[in-house]
Each structure stands twice: as C-alpha cells, then as structure tokens.
C-alpha cells in the first residue's frame, strides 16, 4: 500500500468512528416505575424502591421486601404494608360471603359477625339478622383500582 492510501484509510476510519460516536445517544435513565400498565397490580417492592417505600410508610426497611407491596395508580406510586388487619389485595365488595353465612348458621344467637368469618378485605359491617348474614354500611372506602383506600399510601 502506498503512504497516501494508508493515510486516506486512516482518515476515513477516523471520520466513521468519530461520526458514529457523535451520533450515539447517551444511555437513558431507567424508566420510572409508574406509569406502567404491568405495575397496576400489587407486586413485591423492587430493591431500588425499598428505602423510598420504607421512608414514606414510616417503617423499617428490613421487612419491606416480604411484607410490603407497591402498585401504580396511573402515574402515582402507591405502597401498602400488610399487618394484622391490613389487606393489600382487592377489597371484597360482595354482599354475600360464605364465611358470614356459616357464622350466622352456626351461631344463631349472635348478631355481630367477626372479621375472621367475613375476611379482612370486606368493606361492610356485617350482622346476623334472623339467622342470615346481612351486610350493613360500608366502613371503608374503595379506591378507583378496587383496593381499600386507607391501606394504600402515596409514595413520593
């Protein structure tokens, strides 16, 4: 190869590499968790959100991965930590619950149905009337996603 050909090859190579590098897009930041249609259902808290969720819910970060859930309500990140009476799943809006019916049948003198018979996700206050389970007033609100609103907190 002649010197002029080698110089031309080097120059062209430099221009191709340089142009490619200049036209390259910078790496994009990770997509935000919300909004994302696949995150509308409660899911375990991803590792990168544990500290943020613990801070917002004012709980220790250690139990977050096993006892806390996140979901998207549109573009809003929501968090719920399960507890004795806290349910992170969908609210139970049924007006007939087999456990409540059984309680009234098995306990004919009782008027109040305990939550272990109705489940903690029910939105109603239940009672036995004439041996039948009857839903009373709604005691909790349900959010637009179908979850007990007070159990889910906004995660800033």
N, C-alpha and C. Protein backbone atom coordinates (compact mmCIF):
# COMPACT_ATOMS: atom_id res chain seq x y z
N UNK A 1 0.84 -1.17 0.00
CA UNK A 1 0.00 0.00 0.00
C UNK A 1 0.88 1.23 0.00
N UNK A 2 0.45 2.19 -0.72
CA UNK A 2 1.18 3.44 -0.74
C UNK A 2 0.85 4.25 0.50
N UNK A 3 1.72 5.16 0.84
CA UNK A 3 1.55 6.02 2.01
C UNK A 3 0.26 6.82 1.90
N UNK A 4 -0.04 7.34 0.71
CA UNK A 4 -1.24 8.15 0.51
C UNK A 4 -2.49 7.31 0.74
N UNK A 5 -2.47 6.03 0.32
CA UNK A 5 -3.62 5.15 0.52
C UNK A 5 -3.81 4.84 2.01
N UNK A 6 -2.71 4.61 2.72
CA UNK A 6 -2.77 4.33 4.15
C UNK A 6 -3.31 5.55 4.89
N UNK A 7 -2.83 6.72 4.53
CA UNK A 7 -3.28 7.94 5.18
C UNK A 7 -4.78 8.16 4.93
N UNK A 8 -5.21 7.90 3.70
CA UNK A 8 -6.62 8.06 3.35
C UNK A 8 -7.46 7.07 4.16
N UNK A 9 -7.03 5.82 4.31
CA UNK A 9 -7.73 4.79 5.06
C UNK A 9 -7.88 5.20 6.52
N UNK A 10 -6.79 5.71 7.09
CA UNK A 10 -6.82 6.14 8.49
C UNK A 10 -7.78 7.31 8.66
N UNK A 11 -7.75 8.25 7.76
CA UNK A 11 -8.62 9.41 7.83
C UNK A 11 -10.09 9.00 7.72
N UNK A 12 -10.41 8.15 6.78
CA UNK A 12 -11.79 7.69 6.60
C UNK A 12 -12.25 6.92 7.83
N UNK A 13 -11.40 6.04 8.37
CA UNK A 13 -11.73 5.27 9.57
C UNK A 13 -12.00 6.20 10.74
N UNK A 14 -11.15 7.21 10.90
CA UNK A 14 -11.31 8.17 11.98
C UNK A 14 -12.64 8.90 11.84
N UNK A 15 -13.00 9.33 10.62
CA UNK A 15 -14.24 10.04 10.40
C UNK A 15 -15.46 9.16 10.68
N UNK A 16 -15.41 7.91 10.28
CA UNK A 16 -16.54 6.99 10.51
C UNK A 16 -16.72 6.76 12.00
N UNK A 17 -15.65 6.46 12.72
CA UNK A 17 -15.73 6.22 14.17
C UNK A 17 -16.14 7.50 14.88
N UNK A 18 -15.57 8.61 14.54
CA UNK A 18 -15.91 9.87 15.18
C UNK A 18 -17.36 10.27 14.93
N UNK A 19 -17.85 10.09 13.73
CA UNK A 19 -19.23 10.43 13.41
C UNK A 19 -20.18 9.51 14.15
N UNK A 20 -19.86 8.24 14.24
CA UNK A 20 -20.70 7.30 14.97
C UNK A 20 -20.78 7.67 16.44
N UNK A 21 -19.66 8.03 17.00
CA UNK A 21 -19.63 8.38 18.42
C UNK A 21 -20.42 9.65 18.67
N UNK A 22 -20.31 10.61 17.75
CA UNK A 22 -21.04 11.86 17.95
C UNK A 22 -22.54 11.65 17.81
N UNK A 23 -22.94 10.73 16.96
CA UNK A 23 -24.36 10.49 16.75
C UNK A 23 -24.96 9.53 17.76
N UNK A 24 -24.15 8.93 18.58
CA UNK A 24 -24.67 7.98 19.57
C UNK A 24 -25.48 8.71 20.62
N UNK A 25 -26.54 8.09 21.03
CA UNK A 25 -27.39 8.68 22.06
C UNK A 25 -26.83 8.29 23.43
N UNK A 26 -26.92 9.21 24.36
CA UNK A 26 -26.48 8.85 25.71
C UNK A 26 -27.41 7.79 26.29
N UNK A 27 -26.90 7.02 27.21
CA UNK A 27 -27.72 5.99 27.85
C UNK A 27 -28.88 6.65 28.56
N UNK A 28 -30.09 6.08 28.39
CA UNK A 28 -31.27 6.64 29.03
C UNK A 28 -31.33 6.22 30.48
N UNK A 29 -31.88 7.08 31.29
CA UNK A 29 -32.09 6.73 32.70
C UNK A 29 -33.13 5.62 32.75
N UNK A 30 -33.13 4.87 33.81
CA UNK A 30 -34.10 3.80 33.96
C UNK A 30 -35.51 4.39 33.89
N UNK A 31 -36.40 3.66 33.26
CA UNK A 31 -37.79 4.11 33.16
C UNK A 31 -38.39 4.22 34.56
N UNK A 32 -39.25 5.19 34.79
CA UNK A 32 -39.89 5.29 36.10
C UNK A 32 -40.81 4.08 36.33
N UNK A 33 -41.02 3.73 37.57
CA UNK A 33 -41.88 2.58 37.90
C UNK A 33 -43.32 2.84 37.46
N UNK A 34 -43.76 4.08 37.63
CA UNK A 34 -45.12 4.47 37.22
C UNK A 34 -45.01 5.62 36.23
N UNK A 35 -45.88 5.72 35.27
CA UNK A 35 -46.96 4.78 34.98
C UNK A 35 -46.44 3.60 34.15
N UNK A 36 -46.92 2.46 34.45
CA UNK A 36 -46.57 1.26 33.71
C UNK A 36 -47.73 0.29 33.88
N UNK A 37 -48.43 -0.04 32.82
CA UNK A 37 -49.61 -0.91 32.94
C UNK A 37 -49.31 -2.25 33.63
N UNK A 38 -48.10 -2.75 33.50
CA UNK A 38 -47.79 -4.03 34.14
C UNK A 38 -47.59 -3.89 35.65
N UNK A 39 -47.59 -2.66 36.16
CA UNK A 39 -47.42 -2.43 37.60
C UNK A 39 -48.72 -1.98 38.28
N UNK A 40 -49.85 -2.22 37.66
CA UNK A 40 -51.13 -1.82 38.26
C UNK A 40 -51.56 -2.77 39.36
N UNK A 41 -51.07 -4.00 39.34
CA UNK A 41 -51.40 -4.98 40.37
C UNK A 41 -50.31 -4.93 41.44
N UNK A 42 -50.65 -5.19 42.70
CA UNK A 42 -49.63 -5.18 43.76
C UNK A 42 -48.50 -6.17 43.46
N UNK A 43 -47.28 -5.70 43.69
CA UNK A 43 -46.09 -6.52 43.49
C UNK A 43 -45.12 -6.28 44.64
N UNK A 44 -44.25 -7.24 44.87
CA UNK A 44 -43.21 -7.06 45.87
C UNK A 44 -42.41 -5.81 45.52
N UNK A 45 -41.90 -5.15 46.52
CA UNK A 45 -41.16 -3.91 46.30
C UNK A 45 -39.81 -4.22 45.66
N UNK A 46 -39.52 -3.63 44.49
CA UNK A 46 -38.21 -3.83 43.87
C UNK A 46 -37.11 -3.27 44.78
N UNK A 47 -35.95 -3.86 44.72
CA UNK A 47 -34.83 -3.47 45.59
C UNK A 47 -34.53 -1.97 45.51
N UNK A 48 -34.64 -1.38 44.32
CA UNK A 48 -34.31 0.03 44.17
C UNK A 48 -35.36 0.97 44.79
N UNK A 49 -36.49 0.44 45.23
CA UNK A 49 -37.53 1.26 45.84
C UNK A 49 -37.70 1.02 47.34
N UNK A 50 -36.98 0.05 47.90
CA UNK A 50 -37.16 -0.32 49.31
C UNK A 50 -36.99 0.88 50.25
N UNK A 51 -35.90 1.61 50.14
CA UNK A 51 -35.64 2.73 51.06
C UNK A 51 -36.72 3.81 50.91
N UNK A 52 -37.09 4.10 49.70
CA UNK A 52 -38.10 5.13 49.44
C UNK A 52 -39.46 4.74 50.02
N UNK A 53 -39.84 3.48 49.84
CA UNK A 53 -41.12 2.99 50.35
C UNK A 53 -41.10 2.96 51.88
N UNK A 54 -40.02 2.47 52.47
CA UNK A 54 -39.91 2.42 53.93
C UNK A 54 -40.03 3.82 54.53
N UNK A 55 -39.37 4.78 53.92
CA UNK A 55 -39.42 6.15 54.42
C UNK A 55 -40.84 6.71 54.34
N UNK A 56 -41.50 6.52 53.21
CA UNK A 56 -42.85 7.06 53.02
C UNK A 56 -43.86 6.41 53.96
N UNK A 57 -43.71 5.11 54.21
CA UNK A 57 -44.65 4.41 55.09
C UNK A 57 -44.23 4.48 56.56
N UNK A 58 -43.07 5.09 56.80
CA UNK A 58 -42.51 5.24 58.14
C UNK A 58 -42.37 3.89 58.84
N UNK A 59 -41.73 2.97 58.12
CA UNK A 59 -41.46 1.64 58.66
C UNK A 59 -39.99 1.31 58.44
N UNK A 60 -39.52 0.30 59.15
CA UNK A 60 -38.15 -0.16 58.99
C UNK A 60 -38.00 -0.80 57.62
N UNK A 61 -36.88 -0.61 56.98
CA UNK A 61 -36.65 -1.15 55.63
C UNK A 61 -36.49 -2.67 55.61
N UNK A 62 -36.04 -3.27 56.71
CA UNK A 62 -35.75 -4.71 56.71
C UNK A 62 -36.95 -5.57 56.29
N UNK A 63 -38.15 -5.37 56.83
CA UNK A 63 -39.26 -6.25 56.43
C UNK A 63 -39.95 -5.85 55.12
N UNK A 64 -39.57 -4.74 54.53
CA UNK A 64 -40.25 -4.26 53.32
C UNK A 64 -40.29 -5.31 52.21
N UNK A 65 -39.19 -5.97 51.87
CA UNK A 65 -39.25 -6.91 50.75
C UNK A 65 -40.28 -8.04 50.92
N UNK A 66 -40.59 -8.45 52.13
CA UNK A 66 -41.52 -9.56 52.31
C UNK A 66 -42.92 -9.17 52.73
N UNK A 67 -43.09 -7.96 53.25
CA UNK A 67 -44.38 -7.59 53.83
C UNK A 67 -45.01 -6.35 53.21
N UNK A 68 -44.39 -5.80 52.19
CA UNK A 68 -44.87 -4.56 51.62
C UNK A 68 -45.01 -4.71 50.11
N UNK A 69 -46.00 -4.02 49.57
CA UNK A 69 -46.30 -4.11 48.14
C UNK A 69 -46.39 -2.72 47.55
N UNK A 70 -46.13 -2.63 46.26
CA UNK A 70 -46.30 -1.38 45.51
C UNK A 70 -47.14 -1.67 44.28
N UNK A 71 -47.80 -0.62 43.82
CA UNK A 71 -48.57 -0.68 42.58
C UNK A 71 -48.70 0.73 42.05
N UNK A 72 -49.06 0.83 40.79
CA UNK A 72 -49.26 2.14 40.19
C UNK A 72 -50.75 2.44 40.11
N UNK A 73 -51.09 3.64 40.48
CA UNK A 73 -52.44 4.17 40.27
C UNK A 73 -52.22 5.31 39.29
N UNK A 74 -52.25 4.98 38.01
CA UNK A 74 -51.88 5.95 36.98
C UNK A 74 -50.39 6.20 37.09
N UNK A 75 -50.01 7.46 37.27
CA UNK A 75 -48.60 7.82 37.39
C UNK A 75 -48.14 7.87 38.84
N UNK A 76 -49.04 7.54 39.77
CA UNK A 76 -48.72 7.61 41.20
C UNK A 76 -48.29 6.26 41.74
N UNK A 77 -47.16 6.23 42.42
CA UNK A 77 -46.67 5.02 43.06
C UNK A 77 -47.35 4.92 44.42
N UNK A 78 -47.96 3.78 44.69
CA UNK A 78 -48.66 3.54 45.94
C UNK A 78 -47.99 2.39 46.69
N UNK A 79 -48.02 2.45 48.02
CA UNK A 79 -47.42 1.39 48.84
C UNK A 79 -48.38 0.93 49.92
N UNK A 80 -48.30 -0.35 50.25
CA UNK A 80 -49.14 -0.95 51.29
C UNK A 80 -48.30 -1.98 52.04
N UNK A 81 -48.32 -1.91 53.35
CA UNK A 81 -47.60 -2.88 54.18
C UNK A 81 -48.63 -3.69 54.94
N UNK A 82 -48.59 -5.01 54.76
CA UNK A 82 -49.59 -5.85 55.40
C UNK A 82 -49.40 -5.84 56.91
N UNK A 83 -50.48 -6.06 57.60
CA UNK A 83 -50.45 -6.07 59.05
C UNK A 83 -51.60 -6.91 59.56
N UNK A 84 -51.87 -6.81 60.87
CA UNK A 84 -52.91 -7.63 61.49
C UNK A 84 -54.25 -7.49 60.76
N UNK A 85 -54.65 -6.31 60.44
CA UNK A 85 -55.93 -6.10 59.77
C UNK A 85 -55.78 -5.37 58.45
N UNK A 86 -54.57 -5.23 57.96
CA UNK A 86 -54.32 -4.51 56.72
C UNK A 86 -54.19 -5.48 55.56
N UNK A 87 -55.04 -5.29 54.57
CA UNK A 87 -55.06 -6.13 53.39
C UNK A 87 -54.57 -5.30 52.21
N UNK A 88 -53.63 -5.84 51.45
CA UNK A 88 -53.11 -5.12 50.29
C UNK A 88 -53.76 -5.59 48.99
N UNK A 89 -54.55 -6.64 49.06
CA UNK A 89 -55.25 -7.14 47.88
C UNK A 89 -56.51 -6.34 47.62
N UNK A 90 -57.27 -6.76 46.63
CA UNK A 90 -58.51 -6.07 46.28
C UNK A 90 -59.50 -6.11 47.44
N UNK A 91 -60.31 -5.08 47.52
CA UNK A 91 -61.37 -5.01 48.53
C UNK A 91 -62.45 -6.02 48.16
N UNK A 92 -63.07 -6.60 49.18
CA UNK A 92 -64.15 -7.55 48.98
C UNK A 92 -65.47 -6.79 49.07
N UNK A 93 -66.10 -6.57 47.93
CA UNK A 93 -67.34 -5.79 47.88
C UNK A 93 -68.57 -6.69 47.77
N UNK A 94 -68.38 -7.98 47.93
CA UNK A 94 -69.51 -8.91 47.84
C UNK A 94 -70.51 -8.62 48.96
N UNK A 95 -71.77 -8.84 48.64
CA UNK A 95 -72.83 -8.64 49.63
C UNK A 95 -73.31 -9.99 50.18
N UNK A 96 -72.66 -11.06 49.76
CA UNK A 96 -72.88 -12.39 50.32
C UNK A 96 -71.52 -13.04 50.46
N UNK A 97 -71.19 -13.43 51.68
CA UNK A 97 -69.90 -14.06 51.94
C UNK A 97 -70.18 -15.40 52.63
N UNK A 98 -69.70 -16.49 52.05
CA UNK A 98 -69.97 -17.80 52.65
C UNK A 98 -69.57 -17.91 54.12
N UNK A 99 -68.44 -17.33 54.49
CA UNK A 99 -68.00 -17.39 55.89
C UNK A 99 -68.96 -16.69 56.83
N UNK A 100 -69.53 -15.59 56.38
CA UNK A 100 -70.50 -14.85 57.19
C UNK A 100 -71.80 -15.66 57.31
N UNK A 101 -72.22 -16.26 56.21
CA UNK A 101 -73.43 -17.09 56.21
C UNK A 101 -73.26 -18.26 57.18
N UNK A 102 -72.12 -18.91 57.13
CA UNK A 102 -71.84 -20.04 58.01
C UNK A 102 -71.82 -19.59 59.47
N UNK A 103 -71.23 -18.44 59.76
CA UNK A 103 -71.17 -17.93 61.13
C UNK A 103 -72.59 -17.78 61.70
N UNK A 104 -73.46 -17.15 60.93
CA UNK A 104 -74.84 -16.94 61.40
C UNK A 104 -75.57 -18.27 61.59
N UNK A 105 -75.32 -19.20 60.70
CA UNK A 105 -75.94 -20.53 60.83
C UNK A 105 -75.43 -21.26 62.07
N UNK A 106 -74.13 -21.20 62.31
CA UNK A 106 -73.52 -21.91 63.44
C UNK A 106 -73.69 -21.20 64.78
N UNK A 107 -73.99 -19.90 64.74
CA UNK A 107 -74.11 -19.08 65.96
C UNK A 107 -75.43 -18.30 65.93
N UNK A 108 -76.57 -18.99 66.05
CA UNK A 108 -77.86 -18.34 65.86
C UNK A 108 -78.17 -17.22 66.85
N UNK A 109 -77.55 -17.21 67.99
CA UNK A 109 -77.83 -16.15 68.96
C UNK A 109 -76.98 -14.90 68.77
N UNK A 110 -75.99 -14.96 67.91
CA UNK A 110 -75.08 -13.83 67.70
C UNK A 110 -75.67 -12.82 66.72
N UNK A 111 -75.32 -11.57 66.92
CA UNK A 111 -75.77 -10.54 65.98
C UNK A 111 -74.60 -9.96 65.18
N UNK A 112 -73.43 -9.92 65.78
CA UNK A 112 -72.25 -9.36 65.11
C UNK A 112 -71.41 -10.50 64.53
N UNK A 113 -70.95 -10.32 63.31
CA UNK A 113 -70.11 -11.32 62.65
C UNK A 113 -68.67 -10.84 62.73
N UNK A 114 -67.77 -11.64 63.31
CA UNK A 114 -66.36 -11.23 63.42
C UNK A 114 -65.65 -11.27 62.06
N UNK A 115 -64.58 -10.50 61.98
CA UNK A 115 -63.84 -10.41 60.71
C UNK A 115 -63.21 -11.73 60.29
N UNK A 116 -62.91 -12.62 61.23
CA UNK A 116 -62.35 -13.89 60.79
C UNK A 116 -63.36 -14.68 59.97
N UNK A 117 -64.65 -14.39 60.14
CA UNK A 117 -65.68 -15.07 59.36
C UNK A 117 -65.95 -14.36 58.03
N UNK A 118 -65.79 -13.04 58.02
CA UNK A 118 -66.06 -12.29 56.79
C UNK A 118 -64.83 -12.09 55.94
N UNK A 119 -63.66 -12.15 56.59
CA UNK A 119 -62.40 -11.81 55.92
C UNK A 119 -62.11 -10.34 56.16
N UNK A 120 -60.85 -9.99 56.19
CA UNK A 120 -60.44 -8.62 56.49
C UNK A 120 -60.55 -7.68 55.30
N UNK A 121 -60.85 -8.21 54.12
CA UNK A 121 -60.94 -7.37 52.93
C UNK A 121 -62.36 -6.84 52.69
N UNK A 122 -63.33 -7.32 53.48
CA UNK A 122 -64.70 -6.85 53.28
C UNK A 122 -64.80 -5.35 53.58
N UNK A 123 -65.68 -4.70 52.85
CA UNK A 123 -65.85 -3.27 53.09
C UNK A 123 -67.06 -2.98 53.98
N UNK A 124 -67.83 -4.03 54.30
CA UNK A 124 -69.06 -3.83 55.06
C UNK A 124 -68.94 -4.24 56.53
N UNK A 125 -69.82 -3.68 57.31
CA UNK A 125 -70.04 -4.11 58.69
C UNK A 125 -71.13 -5.18 58.59
N UNK A 126 -70.86 -6.36 59.12
CA UNK A 126 -71.78 -7.48 58.96
C UNK A 126 -72.50 -7.82 60.26
N UNK A 127 -73.75 -8.29 60.12
CA UNK A 127 -74.50 -8.76 61.28
C UNK A 127 -75.39 -9.92 60.88
N UNK A 128 -75.85 -10.65 61.89
CA UNK A 128 -76.80 -11.74 61.67
C UNK A 128 -78.19 -11.19 61.99
N UNK A 129 -79.09 -11.36 61.06
CA UNK A 129 -80.47 -10.93 61.25
C UNK A 129 -81.36 -12.10 60.86
N UNK A 130 -82.08 -12.64 61.84
CA UNK A 130 -82.94 -13.78 61.55
C UNK A 130 -82.17 -14.98 61.04
N UNK A 131 -80.93 -15.16 61.52
CA UNK A 131 -80.11 -16.29 61.11
C UNK A 131 -79.43 -16.11 59.75
N UNK A 132 -79.55 -14.92 59.18
CA UNK A 132 -78.91 -14.63 57.88
C UNK A 132 -77.84 -13.58 58.03
N UNK A 133 -76.80 -13.69 57.22
CA UNK A 133 -75.73 -12.69 57.21
C UNK A 133 -76.19 -11.51 56.37
N UNK A 134 -76.13 -10.32 56.97
CA UNK A 134 -76.60 -9.12 56.29
C UNK A 134 -75.49 -8.07 56.30
N UNK A 135 -75.12 -7.58 55.10
CA UNK A 135 -74.13 -6.51 55.08
C UNK A 135 -74.78 -5.20 55.50
N UNK A 136 -74.06 -4.44 56.32
CA UNK A 136 -74.56 -3.14 56.75
C UNK A 136 -73.89 -2.05 55.95
N UNK A 137 -73.58 -0.98 56.64
CA UNK A 137 -72.96 0.16 55.96
C UNK A 137 -71.51 -0.17 55.58
N UNK A 138 -71.05 0.47 54.53
CA UNK A 138 -69.64 0.34 54.13
C UNK A 138 -68.82 1.09 55.17
N UNK A 139 -67.79 0.44 55.69
CA UNK A 139 -66.96 1.05 56.73
C UNK A 139 -65.60 1.50 56.22
N UNK A 140 -65.28 1.17 54.99
CA UNK A 140 -64.04 1.63 54.35
C UNK A 140 -64.35 2.04 52.92
N UNK A 141 -63.55 2.96 52.40
CA UNK A 141 -63.69 3.42 51.02
C UNK A 141 -62.83 2.55 50.11
N UNK A 142 -63.27 2.41 48.89
CA UNK A 142 -62.55 1.66 47.87
C UNK A 142 -62.03 2.65 46.85
N UNK A 143 -60.72 2.54 46.49
CA UNK A 143 -60.16 3.46 45.50
C UNK A 143 -60.53 3.02 44.09
N UNK A 144 -60.14 3.80 43.11
CA UNK A 144 -60.52 3.52 41.72
C UNK A 144 -59.94 2.21 41.19
N UNK A 145 -58.91 1.69 41.86
CA UNK A 145 -58.34 0.41 41.45
C UNK A 145 -59.01 -0.79 42.10
N UNK A 146 -59.91 -0.52 43.05
CA UNK A 146 -60.62 -1.61 43.72
C UNK A 146 -59.97 -2.06 45.02
N UNK A 147 -59.07 -1.24 45.57
CA UNK A 147 -58.36 -1.56 46.80
C UNK A 147 -58.90 -0.72 47.94
N UNK A 148 -58.73 -1.19 49.18
CA UNK A 148 -59.14 -0.41 50.34
C UNK A 148 -58.24 0.82 50.39
N UNK A 149 -58.85 1.98 50.20
CA UNK A 149 -58.10 3.22 50.02
C UNK A 149 -57.17 3.54 51.19
N UNK A 150 -57.62 3.36 52.41
CA UNK A 150 -56.79 3.75 53.56
C UNK A 150 -55.57 2.85 53.76
N UNK A 151 -55.54 1.70 53.13
CA UNK A 151 -54.40 0.79 53.26
C UNK A 151 -53.26 1.14 52.33
N UNK A 152 -53.52 1.98 51.33
CA UNK A 152 -52.52 2.34 50.32
C UNK A 152 -52.13 3.80 50.46
N UNK A 153 -50.82 4.03 50.57
CA UNK A 153 -50.30 5.39 50.72
C UNK A 153 -49.50 5.79 49.49
N UNK A 154 -49.55 7.07 49.17
CA UNK A 154 -48.76 7.60 48.05
C UNK A 154 -47.28 7.56 48.44
N UNK A 155 -46.45 7.09 47.53
CA UNK A 155 -45.00 7.06 47.73
C UNK A 155 -44.42 8.18 46.88
N UNK A 156 -43.92 9.26 47.52
CA UNK A 156 -43.38 10.39 46.73
C UNK A 156 -42.14 10.00 45.94
